[in-house]
Amino acid sequence: MSSRTGGEVRHGVDLKSGISIDADEVRLNCNLARSYVTFLVAEDDR
């Protein structure tokens, strides 16, 4: 995403600062991405 500070923003947090995320947050993001892709593919097929 882009921002006035040059992009690389995740939920309002600057990723350049080296913030680590735990396995549960990674799993959540992967599941959300998979859900969005599945929805978009289904919509395209429809």
C-alpha atoms as a PDB file:
ATOM      1  CA  MET A   1       0.000   0.000   0.000  1.00  0.00           C
ATOM      2  CA  SER A   2       1.159   3.508  -0.540  1.00  0.00           C
ATOM      3  CA  SER A   3       1.321   6.288   1.993  1.00  0.00           C
ATOM      4  CA  ARG A   4       2.716   9.757   2.376  1.00  0.00           C
ATOM      5  CA  THR A   5       5.777   8.254   4.065  1.00  0.00           C
ATOM      6  CA  GLY A   6       6.739   6.223   1.008  1.00  0.00           C
ATOM      7  CA  GLY A   7       4.616   3.085   1.204  1.00  0.00           C
ATOM      8  CA  GLU A   8       5.318  -0.253   2.841  1.00  0.00           C
ATOM      9  CA  VAL A   9       2.487   0.199   5.321  1.00  0.00           C
ATOM     10  CA  ARG A  10       0.633  -2.638   7.031  1.00  0.00           C
ATOM     11  CA  HIS A  11      -2.381  -1.638   9.108  1.00  0.00           C
ATOM     12  CA  GLY A  12      -0.896   1.802   9.700  1.00  0.00           C
ATOM     13  CA  VAL A  13       2.488   0.465  10.808  1.00  0.00           C
ATOM     14  CA  ASP A  14       5.740   1.189   8.985  1.00  0.00           C
ATOM     15  CA  LEU A  15       7.267  -2.165   7.967  1.00  0.00           C
ATOM     16  CA  LYS A  16      10.730  -0.659   7.539  1.00  0.00           C
ATOM     17  CA  SER A  17      11.080  -0.628  11.326  1.00  0.00           C
ATOM     18  CA  GLY A  18      11.434  -4.441  11.351  1.00  0.00           C
ATOM     19  CA  ILE A  19       8.261  -5.374  13.220  1.00  0.00           C
ATOM     20  CA  SER A  20       7.959  -9.139  13.541  1.00  0.00           C
ATOM     21  CA  ILE A  21       4.653 -10.986  13.479  1.00  0.00           C
ATOM     22  CA  ASP A  22       3.825 -14.244  15.199  1.00  0.00           C
ATOM     23  CA  ALA A  23       2.658 -17.470  13.573  1.00  0.00           C
ATOM     24  CA  ASP A  24      -1.012 -16.793  14.362  1.00  0.00           C
ATOM     25  CA  GLU A  25      -0.925 -13.462  12.515  1.00  0.00           C
ATOM     26  CA  VAL A  26       0.831 -15.076   9.561  1.00  0.00           C
ATOM     27  CA  ARG A  27      -1.805 -17.818   9.491  1.00  0.00           C
ATOM     28  CA  LEU A  28      -4.588 -15.207   9.639  1.00  0.00           C
ATOM     29  CA  ASN A  29      -3.110 -13.241   6.728  1.00  0.00           C
ATOM     30  CA  CYS A  30      -2.651 -16.390   4.634  1.00  0.00           C
ATOM     31  CA  ASN A  31      -6.213 -17.508   5.337  1.00  0.00           C
ATOM     32  CA  LEU A  32      -7.566 -14.071   4.416  1.00  0.00           C
ATOM     33  CA  ALA A  33      -5.576 -14.021   1.174  1.00  0.00           C
ATOM     34  CA  ARG A  34      -6.761 -17.540   0.306  1.00  0.00           C
ATOM     35  CA  SER A  35     -10.353 -16.531   1.043  1.00  0.00           C
ATOM     36  CA  TYR A  36     -10.121 -13.468  -1.214  1.00  0.00           C
ATOM     37  CA  VAL A  37      -8.544 -15.448  -4.055  1.00  0.00           C
ATOM     38  CA  THR A  38     -11.159 -18.203  -3.741  1.00  0.00           C
ATOM     39  CA  PHE A  39     -13.940 -15.613  -3.838  1.00  0.00           C
ATOM     40  CA  LEU A  40     -12.478 -13.848  -6.871  1.00  0.00           C
ATOM     41  CA  VAL A  41     -11.994 -17.105  -8.784  1.00  0.00           C
ATOM     42  CA  ALA A  42     -15.581 -18.134  -8.000  1.00  0.00           C
ATOM     43  CA  GLU A  43     -16.846 -14.751  -9.175  1.00  0.00           C
ATOM     44  CA  ASP A  44     -14.823 -15.048 -12.374  1.00  0.00           C
ATOM     45  CA  ASP A  45     -16.231 -18.529 -13.021  1.00  0.00           C
ATOM     46  CA  ARG A  46     -19.729 -17.248 -12.421  1.00  0.00           C
END
